[in-house]
Amino acid sequence: MLVIRREQIDALSAYMMRQFEDRMMVSLEVDRVLVQQGVRKAAGYRIDDEPDVERFLVLMTKFGADFDVSAQFEWARPILTHAVLPGHAKIDLIHEGLPR
């Protein structure tokens, strides 16, 4: 039987996060600090699937790192903080609410 220790899981998780950060740094042309901040913020809103986190990061790059708490996006706060709505739905609703 294969046994995976907690240390191995943690190492793999850290590796996968680093790979995601690297991809986001290249595709969005931002630094690692912004990506890490965005990942933490997205997780705080229960947005944790990679494609949804990437879309959250895109919003941060377009509208500012603190778009989620800015007066301009006050309308989006109830969406982001909704307890049951899944992450992809939150991002979809925010995109729908953006001016065209």
PDB file of N, CA and C in Angstrom:
ATOM      1  N   MET A   1       0.843  -1.192   0.000  1.00  0.00           N
ATOM      2  CA  MET A   1       0.000   0.000   0.000  1.00  0.00           C
ATOM      3  C   MET A   1       0.881   1.245   0.000  1.00  0.00           C
ATOM      4  N   LEU A   2       0.499   2.187  -0.833  1.00  0.00           N
ATOM      5  CA  LEU A   2       1.223   3.451  -0.942  1.00  0.00           C
ATOM      6  C   LEU A   2       0.740   4.394   0.149  1.00  0.00           C
ATOM      7  N   VAL A   3       1.685   4.963   0.874  1.00  0.00           N
ATOM      8  CA  VAL A   3       1.361   5.913   1.929  1.00  0.00           C
ATOM      9  C   VAL A   3       1.996   7.254   1.568  1.00  0.00           C
ATOM     10  N   ILE A   4       1.170   8.271   1.532  1.00  0.00           N
ATOM     11  CA  ILE A   4       1.664   9.612   1.259  1.00  0.00           C
ATOM     12  C   ILE A   4       1.635  10.395   2.562  1.00  0.00           C
ATOM     13  N   ARG A   5       2.807  10.831   2.983  1.00  0.00           N
ATOM     14  CA  ARG A   5       2.920  11.568   4.252  1.00  0.00           C
ATOM     15  C   ARG A   5       2.489  13.027   4.072  1.00  0.00           C
ATOM     16  N   ARG A   6       2.108  13.654   5.144  1.00  0.00           N
ATOM     17  CA  ARG A   6       1.684  15.058   5.151  1.00  0.00           C
ATOM     18  C   ARG A   6       2.771  15.944   4.544  1.00  0.00           C
ATOM     19  N   GLU A   7       4.023  15.666   4.843  1.00  0.00           N
ATOM     20  CA  GLU A   7       5.130  16.472   4.304  1.00  0.00           C
ATOM     21  C   GLU A   7       5.170  16.385   2.779  1.00  0.00           C
ATOM     22  N   GLN A   8       4.872  15.222   2.233  1.00  0.00           N
ATOM     23  CA  GLN A   8       4.863  15.059   0.784  1.00  0.00           C
ATOM     24  C   GLN A   8       3.707  15.835   0.150  1.00  0.00           C
ATOM     25  N   ILE A   9       2.565  15.777   0.787  1.00  0.00           N
ATOM     26  CA  ILE A   9       1.406  16.531   0.293  1.00  0.00           C
ATOM     27  C   ILE A   9       1.697  18.024   0.331  1.00  0.00           C
ATOM     28  N   ASP A  10       2.292  18.488   1.438  1.00  0.00           N
ATOM     29  CA  ASP A  10       2.628  19.902   1.563  1.00  0.00           C
ATOM     30  C   ASP A  10       3.636  20.326   0.498  1.00  0.00           C
ATOM     31  N   ALA A  11       4.634  19.484   0.241  1.00  0.00           N
ATOM     32  CA  ALA A  11       5.640  19.799  -0.769  1.00  0.00           C
ATOM     33  C   ALA A  11       5.007  19.865  -2.159  1.00  0.00           C
ATOM     34  N   LEU A  12       4.132  18.940  -2.464  1.00  0.00           N
ATOM     35  CA  LEU A  12       3.455  18.942  -3.761  1.00  0.00           C
ATOM     36  C   LEU A  12       2.551  20.172  -3.898  1.00  0.00           C
ATOM     37  N   SER A  13       1.836  20.509  -2.841  1.00  0.00           N
ATOM     38  CA  SER A  13       0.968  21.700  -2.867  1.00  0.00           C
ATOM     39  C   SER A  13       1.789  22.967  -3.107  1.00  0.00           C
ATOM     40  N   ALA A  14       2.917  23.078  -2.425  1.00  0.00           N
ATOM     41  CA  ALA A  14       3.781  24.250  -2.595  1.00  0.00           C
ATOM     42  C   ALA A  14       4.320  24.315  -4.024  1.00  0.00           C
ATOM     43  N   TYR A  15       4.689  23.178  -4.574  1.00  0.00           N
ATOM     44  CA  TYR A  15       5.184  23.117  -5.948  1.00  0.00           C
ATOM     45  C   TYR A  15       4.089  23.552  -6.927  1.00  0.00           C
ATOM     46  N   MET A  16       2.892  23.038  -6.748  1.00  0.00           N
ATOM     47  CA  MET A  16       1.781  23.377  -7.640  1.00  0.00           C
ATOM     48  C   MET A  16       1.443  24.865  -7.542  1.00  0.00           C
ATOM     49  N   MET A  17       1.492  25.422  -6.338  1.00  0.00           N
ATOM     50  CA  MET A  17       1.221  26.850  -6.160  1.00  0.00           C
ATOM     51  C   MET A  17       2.289  27.685  -6.851  1.00  0.00           C
ATOM     52  N   ARG A  18       3.524  27.265  -6.723  1.00  0.00           N
ATOM     53  CA  ARG A  18       4.627  27.997  -7.368  1.00  0.00           C
ATOM     54  C   ARG A  18       4.459  27.970  -8.893  1.00  0.00           C
ATOM     55  N   GLN A  19       4.051  26.839  -9.426  1.00  0.00           N
ATOM     56  CA  GLN A  19       3.823  26.726 -10.873  1.00  0.00           C
ATOM     57  C   GLN A  19       2.689  27.661 -11.312  1.00  0.00           C
ATOM     58  N   PHE A  20       1.612  27.701 -10.543  1.00  0.00           N
ATOM     59  CA  PHE A  20       0.493  28.595 -10.855  1.00  0.00           C
ATOM     60  C   PHE A  20       0.959  30.051 -10.811  1.00  0.00           C
ATOM     61  N   GLU A  21       1.702  30.400  -9.761  1.00  0.00           N
ATOM     62  CA  GLU A  21       2.210  31.768  -9.650  1.00  0.00           C
ATOM     63  C   GLU A  21       3.076  32.126 -10.853  1.00  0.00           C
ATOM     64  N   ASP A  22       3.951  31.206 -11.249  1.00  0.00           N
ATOM     65  CA  ASP A  22       4.818  31.459 -12.403  1.00  0.00           C
ATOM     66  C   ASP A  22       3.997  31.705 -13.666  1.00  0.00           C
ATOM     67  N   ARG A  23       2.986  30.881 -13.889  1.00  0.00           N
ATOM     68  CA  ARG A  23       2.137  31.054 -15.077  1.00  0.00           C
ATOM     69  C   ARG A  23       1.423  32.395 -15.053  1.00  0.00           C
ATOM     70  N   MET A  24       0.896  32.775 -13.890  1.00  0.00           N
ATOM     71  CA  MET A  24       0.163  34.034 -13.779  1.00  0.00           C
ATOM     72  C   MET A  24       1.093  35.226 -13.958  1.00  0.00           C
ATOM     73  N   MET A  25       2.315  35.128 -13.443  1.00  0.00           N
ATOM     74  CA  MET A  25       3.276  36.212 -13.595  1.00  0.00           C
ATOM     75  C   MET A  25       3.560  36.470 -15.073  1.00  0.00           C
ATOM     76  N   VAL A  26       3.693  35.407 -15.843  1.00  0.00           N
ATOM     77  CA  VAL A  26       3.985  35.539 -17.269  1.00  0.00           C
ATOM     78  C   VAL A  26       2.750  36.014 -18.033  1.00  0.00           C
ATOM     79  N   SER A  27       1.620  35.355 -17.823  1.00  0.00           N
ATOM     80  CA  SER A  27       0.439  35.686 -18.638  1.00  0.00           C
ATOM     81  C   SER A  27      -0.149  37.055 -18.301  1.00  0.00           C
ATOM     82  N   LEU A  28      -0.055  37.466 -17.039  1.00  0.00           N
ATOM     83  CA  LEU A  28      -0.630  38.757 -16.643  1.00  0.00           C
ATOM     84  C   LEU A  28       0.414  39.868 -16.533  1.00  0.00           C
ATOM     85  N   GLU A  29       1.690  39.496 -16.687  1.00  0.00           N
ATOM     86  CA  GLU A  29       2.791  40.452 -16.580  1.00  0.00           C
ATOM     87  C   GLU A  29       2.755  41.221 -15.262  1.00  0.00           C
ATOM     88  N   VAL A  30       2.679  40.465 -14.170  1.00  0.00           N
ATOM     89  CA  VAL A  30       2.670  41.040 -12.824  1.00  0.00           C
ATOM     90  C   VAL A  30       3.730  40.331 -11.992  1.00  0.00           C
ATOM     91  N   ASP A  31       3.991  40.862 -10.803  1.00  0.00           N
ATOM     92  CA  ASP A  31       4.982  40.222  -9.950  1.00  0.00           C
ATOM     93  C   ASP A  31       4.334  39.177  -9.032  1.00  0.00           C
ATOM     94  N   ARG A  32       5.186  38.376  -8.427  1.00  0.00           N
ATOM     95  CA  ARG A  32       4.725  37.277  -7.579  1.00  0.00           C
ATOM     96  C   ARG A  32       3.915  37.781  -6.383  1.00  0.00           C
ATOM     97  N   VAL A  33       4.307  38.927  -5.846  1.00  0.00           N
ATOM     98  CA  VAL A  33       3.610  39.468  -4.675  1.00  0.00           C
ATOM     99  C   VAL A  33       2.138  39.715  -4.991  1.00  0.00           C
ATOM    100  N   LEU A  34       1.859  40.302  -6.161  1.00  0.00           N
ATOM    101  CA  LEU A  34       0.469  40.555  -6.544  1.00  0.00           C
ATOM    102  C   LEU A  34      -0.291  39.247  -6.728  1.00  0.00           C
ATOM    103  N   VAL A  35       0.348  38.269  -7.348  1.00  0.00           N
ATOM    104  CA  VAL A  35      -0.307  36.974  -7.546  1.00  0.00           C
ATOM    105  C   VAL A  35      -0.623  36.344  -6.195  1.00  0.00           C
ATOM    106  N   GLN A  36       0.335  36.356  -5.290  1.00  0.00           N
ATOM    107  CA  GLN A  36       0.107  35.759  -3.968  1.00  0.00           C
ATOM    108  C   GLN A  36      -0.988  36.497  -3.209  1.00  0.00           C
ATOM    109  N   GLN A  37      -0.984  37.820  -3.306  1.00  0.00           N
ATOM    110  CA  GLN A  37      -2.042  38.610  -2.663  1.00  0.00           C
ATOM    111  C   GLN A  37      -3.403  38.243  -3.249  1.00  0.00           C
ATOM    112  N   GLY A  38      -3.459  38.119  -4.558  1.00  0.00           N
ATOM    113  CA  GLY A  38      -4.716  37.781  -5.217  1.00  0.00           C
ATOM    114  C   GLY A  38      -5.202  36.390  -4.853  1.00  0.00           C
ATOM    115  N   VAL A  39      -4.301  35.439  -4.758  1.00  0.00           N
ATOM    116  CA  VAL A  39      -4.672  34.075  -4.376  1.00  0.00           C
ATOM    117  C   VAL A  39      -5.262  34.080  -2.968  1.00  0.00           C
ATOM    118  N   ARG A  40      -4.622  34.822  -2.060  1.00  0.00           N
ATOM    119  CA  ARG A  40      -5.137  34.904  -0.680  1.00  0.00           C
ATOM    120  C   ARG A  40      -6.511  35.568  -0.640  1.00  0.00           C
ATOM    121  N   LYS A  41      -6.655  36.679  -1.377  1.00  0.00           N
ATOM    122  CA  LYS A  41      -7.939  37.372  -1.397  1.00  0.00           C
ATOM    123  C   LYS A  41      -9.028  36.483  -1.983  1.00  0.00           C
ATOM    124  N   ALA A  42      -8.730  35.848  -3.103  1.00  0.00           N
ATOM    125  CA  ALA A  42      -9.712  34.966  -3.730  1.00  0.00           C
ATOM    126  C   ALA A  42     -10.118  33.852  -2.767  1.00  0.00           C
ATOM    127  N   ALA A  43      -9.146  33.266  -2.085  1.00  0.00           N
ATOM    128  CA  ALA A  43      -9.447  32.195  -1.122  1.00  0.00           C
ATOM    129  C   ALA A  43     -10.357  32.707  -0.007  1.00  0.00           C
ATOM    130  N   GLY A  44     -10.158  33.961   0.392  1.00  0.00           N
ATOM    131  CA  GLY A  44     -11.015  34.556   1.418  1.00  0.00           C
ATOM    132  C   GLY A  44     -12.463  34.681   0.971  1.00  0.00           C
ATOM    133  N   TYR A  45     -12.663  34.737  -0.340  1.00  0.00           N
ATOM    134  CA  TYR A  45     -14.009  34.790  -0.901  1.00  0.00           C
ATOM    135  C   TYR A  45     -14.482  33.407  -1.370  1.00  0.00           C
ATOM    136  N   ARG A  46     -13.740  32.398  -1.004  1.00  0.00           N
ATOM    137  CA  ARG A  46     -14.041  31.004  -1.376  1.00  0.00           C
ATOM    138  C   ARG A  46     -14.020  30.811  -2.895  1.00  0.00           C
ATOM    139  N   ILE A  47     -13.077  31.495  -3.504  1.00  0.00           N
ATOM    140  CA  ILE A  47     -12.800  31.326  -4.933  1.00  0.00           C
ATOM    141  C   ILE A  47     -11.467  30.600  -4.985  1.00  0.00           C
ATOM    142  N   ASP A  48     -11.505  29.309  -5.319  1.00  0.00           N
ATOM    143  CA  ASP A  48     -10.266  28.542  -5.195  1.00  0.00           C
ATOM    144  C   ASP A  48      -9.917  27.642  -6.376  1.00  0.00           C
ATOM    145  N   ASP A  49     -10.778  27.537  -7.361  1.00  0.00           N
ATOM    146  CA  ASP A  49     -10.411  26.789  -8.562  1.00  0.00           C
ATOM    147  C   ASP A  49      -9.501  27.664  -9.420  1.00  0.00           C
ATOM    148  N   GLU A  50      -8.447  27.076  -9.973  1.00  0.00           N
ATOM    149  CA  GLU A  50      -7.448  27.855 -10.707  1.00  0.00           C
ATOM    150  C   GLU A  50      -8.036  28.790 -11.762  1.00  0.00           C
ATOM    151  N   PRO A  51      -8.943  28.320 -12.610  1.00  0.00           N
ATOM    152  CA  PRO A  51      -9.480  29.251 -13.624  1.00  0.00           C
ATOM    153  C   PRO A  51     -10.209  30.444 -12.997  1.00  0.00           C
ATOM    154  N   ASP A  52     -10.881  30.222 -11.888  1.00  0.00           N
ATOM    155  CA  ASP A  52     -11.603  31.304 -11.220  1.00  0.00           C
ATOM    156  C   ASP A  52     -10.632  32.263 -10.536  1.00  0.00           C
ATOM    157  N   VAL A  53      -9.584  31.715  -9.941  1.00  0.00           N
ATOM    158  CA  VAL A  53      -8.562  32.564  -9.319  1.00  0.00           C
ATOM    159  C   VAL A  53      -7.874  33.400 -10.392  1.00  0.00           C
ATOM    160  N   GLU A  54      -7.616  32.790 -11.530  1.00  0.00           N
ATOM    161  CA  GLU A  54      -7.008  33.541 -12.631  1.00  0.00           C
ATOM    162  C   GLU A  54      -7.913  34.700 -13.050  1.00  0.00           C
ATOM    163  N   ARG A  55      -9.186  34.467 -13.154  1.00  0.00           N
ATOM    164  CA  ARG A  55     -10.127  35.535 -13.531  1.00  0.00           C
ATOM    165  C   ARG A  55     -10.184  36.619 -12.450  1.00  0.00           C
ATOM    166  N   PHE A  56     -10.075  36.219 -11.189  1.00  0.00           N
ATOM    167  CA  PHE A  56     -10.013  37.180 -10.086  1.00  0.00           C
ATOM    168  C   PHE A  56      -8.749  38.036 -10.233  1.00  0.00           C
ATOM    169  N   LEU A  57      -7.632  37.395 -10.559  1.00  0.00           N
ATOM    170  CA  LEU A  57      -6.379  38.125 -10.757  1.00  0.00           C
ATOM    171  C   LEU A  57      -6.484  39.096 -11.931  1.00  0.00           C
ATOM    172  N   VAL A  58      -7.170  38.702 -12.974  1.00  0.00           N
ATOM    173  CA  VAL A  58      -7.375  39.602 -14.116  1.00  0.00           C
ATOM    174  C   VAL A  58      -8.146  40.846 -13.663  1.00  0.00           C
ATOM    175  N   LEU A  59      -9.165  40.651 -12.848  1.00  0.00           N
ATOM    176  CA  LEU A  59      -9.910  41.796 -12.316  1.00  0.00           C
ATOM    177  C   LEU A  59      -8.984  42.708 -11.514  1.00  0.00           C
ATOM    178  N   MET A  60      -8.099  42.108 -10.723  1.00  0.00           N
ATOM    179  CA  MET A  60      -7.150  42.903  -9.936  1.00  0.00           C
ATOM    180  C   MET A  60      -6.230  43.716 -10.839  1.00  0.00           C
ATOM    181  N   THR A  61      -5.784  43.121 -11.937  1.00  0.00           N
ATOM    182  CA  THR A  61      -4.861  43.851 -12.820  1.00  0.00           C
ATOM    183  C   THR A  61      -5.579  44.953 -13.591  1.00  0.00           C
ATOM    184  N   LYS A  62      -6.851  44.743 -13.911  1.00  0.00           N
ATOM    185  CA  LYS A  62      -7.602  45.752 -14.669  1.00  0.00           C
ATOM    186  C   LYS A  62      -8.118  46.887 -13.802  1.00  0.00           C
ATOM    187  N   PHE A  63      -8.560  46.546 -12.585  1.00  0.00           N
ATOM    188  CA  PHE A  63      -9.259  47.532 -11.763  1.00  0.00           C
ATOM    189  C   PHE A  63      -8.540  47.880 -10.461  1.00  0.00           C
ATOM    190  N   GLY A  64      -7.368  47.330 -10.254  1.00  0.00           N
ATOM    191  CA  GLY A  64      -6.579  47.627  -9.064  1.00  0.00           C
ATOM    192  C   GLY A  64      -6.599  46.477  -8.064  1.00  0.00           C
ATOM    193  N   ALA A  65      -5.508  46.358  -7.336  1.00  0.00           N
ATOM    194  CA  ALA A  65      -5.340  45.247  -6.399  1.00  0.00           C
ATOM    195  C   ALA A  65      -6.427  45.213  -5.336  1.00  0.00           C
ATOM    196  N   ASP A  66      -7.004  46.359  -5.026  1.00  0.00           N
ATOM    197  CA  ASP A  66      -8.046  46.425  -3.999  1.00  0.00           C
ATOM    198  C   ASP A  66      -9.425  46.692  -4.598  1.00  0.00           C
ATOM    199  N   PHE A  67      -9.607  46.261  -5.844  1.00  0.00           N
ATOM    200  CA  PHE A  67     -10.905  46.490  -6.487  1.00  0.00           C
ATOM    201  C   PHE A  67     -12.049  45.952  -5.646  1.00  0.00           C
ATOM    202  N   ASP A  68     -11.804  44.838  -4.952  1.00  0.00           N
ATOM    203  CA  ASP A  68     -12.855  44.155  -4.202  1.00  0.00           C
ATOM    204  C   ASP A  68     -13.378  44.956  -3.018  1.00  0.00           C
ATOM    205  N   VAL A  69     -12.634  45.942  -2.572  1.00  0.00           N
ATOM    206  CA  VAL A  69     -13.080  46.771  -1.449  1.00  0.00           C
ATOM    207  C   VAL A  69     -13.231  48.239  -1.841  1.00  0.00           C
ATOM    208  N   SER A  70     -13.083  48.524  -3.136  1.00  0.00           N
ATOM    209  CA  SER A  70     -13.189  49.913  -3.587  1.00  0.00           C
ATOM    210  C   SER A  70     -14.654  50.333  -3.691  1.00  0.00           C
ATOM    211  N   ALA A  71     -14.877  51.622  -3.607  1.00  0.00           N
ATOM    212  CA  ALA A  71     -16.237  52.165  -3.720  1.00  0.00           C
ATOM    213  C   ALA A  71     -16.830  51.863  -5.092  1.00  0.00           C
ATOM    214  N   GLN A  72     -16.000  51.842  -6.109  1.00  0.00           N
ATOM    215  CA  GLN A  72     -16.458  51.574  -7.476  1.00  0.00           C
ATOM    216  C   GLN A  72     -17.074  50.177  -7.587  1.00  0.00           C
ATOM    217  N   PHE A  73     -16.595  49.240  -6.777  1.00  0.00           N
ATOM    218  CA  PHE A  73     -17.077  47.860  -6.843  1.00  0.00           C
ATOM    219  C   PHE A  73     -17.895  47.472  -5.611  1.00  0.00           C
ATOM    220  N   GLU A  74     -18.482  48.460  -4.968  1.00  0.00           N
ATOM    221  CA  GLU A  74     -19.313  48.187  -3.799  1.00  0.00           C
ATOM    222  C   GLU A  74     -20.434  47.198  -4.139  1.00  0.00           C
ATOM    223  N   TRP A  75     -20.947  47.283  -5.336  1.00  0.00           N
ATOM    224  CA  TRP A  75     -22.017  46.388  -5.795  1.00  0.00           C
ATOM    225  C   TRP A  75     -21.566  44.926  -5.838  1.00  0.00           C
ATOM    226  N   ALA A  76     -20.258  44.695  -5.947  1.00  0.00           N
ATOM    227  CA  ALA A  76     -19.740  43.329  -6.070  1.00  0.00           C
ATOM    228  C   ALA A  76     -19.500  42.659  -4.717  1.00  0.00           C
ATOM    229  N   ARG A  77     -19.435  43.441  -3.656  1.00  0.00           N
ATOM    230  CA  ARG A  77     -19.152  42.852  -2.335  1.00  0.00           C
ATOM    231  C   ARG A  77     -20.150  41.792  -1.902  1.00  0.00           C
ATOM    232  N   PRO A  78     -21.449  42.017  -2.054  1.00  0.00           N
ATOM    233  CA  PRO A  78     -22.391  40.955  -1.676  1.00  0.00           C
ATOM    234  C   PRO A  78     -22.205  39.675  -2.497  1.00  0.00           C
ATOM    235  N   ILE A  79     -21.773  39.826  -3.720  1.00  0.00           N
ATOM    236  CA  ILE A  79     -21.513  38.652  -4.553  1.00  0.00           C
ATOM    237  C   ILE A  79     -20.296  37.918  -4.020  1.00  0.00           C
ATOM    238  N   LEU A  80     -19.208  38.656  -3.790  1.00  0.00           N
ATOM    239  CA  LEU A  80     -17.970  38.036  -3.321  1.00  0.00           C
ATOM    240  C   LEU A  80     -18.121  37.376  -1.957  1.00  0.00           C
ATOM    241  N   THR A  81     -18.923  37.968  -1.098  1.00  0.00           N
ATOM    242  CA  THR A  81     -19.050  37.447   0.268  1.00  0.00           C
ATOM    243  C   THR A  81     -20.208  36.469   0.438  1.00  0.00           C
ATOM    244  N   HIS A  82     -20.915  36.195  -0.649  1.00  0.00           N
ATOM    245  CA  HIS A  82     -22.043  35.268  -0.570  1.00  0.00           C
ATOM    246  C   HIS A  82     -21.555  33.912  -0.064  1.00  0.00           C
ATOM    247  N   ALA A  83     -22.222  33.368   0.926  1.00  0.00           N
ATOM    248  CA  ALA A  83     -21.752  32.156   1.609  1.00  0.00           C
ATOM    249  C   ALA A  83     -21.939  30.878   0.804  1.00  0.00           C
ATOM    250  N   VAL A  84     -22.893  30.832  -0.097  1.00  0.00           N
ATOM    251  CA  VAL A  84     -23.222  29.587  -0.785  1.00  0.00           C
ATOM    252  C   VAL A  84     -22.819  29.596  -2.265  1.00  0.00           C
ATOM    253  N   LEU A  85     -22.794  30.739  -2.856  1.00  0.00           N
ATOM    254  CA  LEU A  85     -22.492  30.855  -4.285  1.00  0.00           C
ATOM    255  C   LEU A  85     -21.094  30.317  -4.582  1.00  0.00           C
ATOM    256  N   PRO A  86     -20.960  29.415  -5.570  1.00  0.00           N
ATOM    257  CA  PRO A  86     -19.627  28.884  -5.897  1.00  0.00           C
ATOM    258  C   PRO A  86     -18.743  29.952  -6.555  1.00  0.00           C
ATOM    259  N   GLY A  87     -17.450  29.734  -6.485  1.00  0.00           N
ATOM    260  CA  GLY A  87     -16.482  30.706  -6.998  1.00  0.00           C
ATOM    261  C   GLY A  87     -16.702  31.096  -8.440  1.00  0.00           C
ATOM    262  N   HIS A  88     -16.947  30.121  -9.307  1.00  0.00           N
ATOM    263  CA  HIS A  88     -17.126  30.443 -10.731  1.00  0.00           C
ATOM    264  C   HIS A  88     -18.352  31.315 -10.946  1.00  0.00           C
ATOM    265  N   ALA A  89     -19.402  31.098 -10.166  1.00  0.00           N
ATOM    266  CA  ALA A  89     -20.613  31.907 -10.288  1.00  0.00           C
ATOM    267  C   ALA A  89     -20.347  33.342  -9.810  1.00  0.00           C
ATOM    268  N   LYS A  90     -19.554  33.485  -8.761  1.00  0.00           N
ATOM    269  CA  LYS A  90     -19.212  34.821  -8.269  1.00  0.00           C
ATOM    270  C   LYS A  90     -18.488  35.615  -9.352  1.00  0.00           C
ATOM    271  N   ILE A  91     -17.499  34.978  -9.961  1.00  0.00           N
ATOM    272  CA  ILE A  91     -16.731  35.657 -11.003  1.00  0.00           C
ATOM    273  C   ILE A  91     -17.618  35.963 -12.215  1.00  0.00           C
ATOM    274  N   ASP A  92     -18.470  35.009 -12.596  1.00  0.00           N
ATOM    275  CA  ASP A  92     -19.381  35.241 -13.719  1.00  0.00           C
ATOM    276  C   ASP A  92     -20.288  36.439 -13.447  1.00  0.00           C
ATOM    277  N   LEU A  93     -20.857  36.506 -12.256  1.00  0.00           N
ATOM    278  CA  LEU A  93     -21.766  37.617 -11.920  1.00  0.00           C
ATOM    279  C   LEU A  93     -21.040  38.957 -11.913  1.00  0.00           C
ATOM    280  N   ILE A  94     -19.809  38.965 -11.440  1.00  0.00           N
ATOM    281  CA  ILE A  94     -19.045  40.213 -11.447  1.00  0.00           C
ATOM    282  C   ILE A  94     -18.781  40.645 -12.883  1.00  0.00           C
ATOM    283  N   HIS A  95     -18.391  39.703 -13.728  1.00  0.00           N
ATOM    284  CA  HIS A  95     -18.156  40.044 -15.131  1.00  0.00           C
ATOM    285  C   HIS A  95     -19.424  40.566 -15.788  1.00  0.00           C
ATOM    286  N   GLU A  96     -20.557  39.980 -15.464  1.00  0.00           N
ATOM    287  CA  GLU A  96     -21.831  40.453 -16.027  1.00  0.00           C
ATOM    288  C   GLU A  96     -22.151  41.867 -15.578  1.00  0.00           C
ATOM    289  N   GLY A  97     -21.712  42.239 -14.385  1.00  0.00           N
ATOM    290  CA  GLY A  97     -22.004  43.550 -13.853  1.00  0.00           C
ATOM    291  C   GLY A  97     -21.061  44.646 -14.309  1.00  0.00           C
ATOM    292  N   LEU A  98     -19.989  44.273 -15.019  1.00  0.00           N
ATOM    293  CA  LEU A  98     -19.030  45.258 -15.479  1.00  0.00           C
ATOM    294  C   LEU A  98     -19.621  46.074 -16.625  1.00  0.00           C
ATOM    295  N   PRO A  99     -19.257  47.344 -16.680  1.00  0.00           N
ATOM    296  CA  PRO A  99     -19.737  48.171 -17.805  1.00  0.00           C
ATOM    297  C   PRO A  99     -19.167  47.647 -19.122  1.00  0.00           C
ATOM    298  N   ARG A 100     -19.944  47.719 -20.142  1.00  0.00           N
ATOM    299  CA  ARG A 100     -19.514  47.228 -21.461  1.00  0.00           C
ATOM    300  C   ARG A 100     -18.943  48.334 -22.289  1.00  0.00           C
TER     301      ARG A 100
END
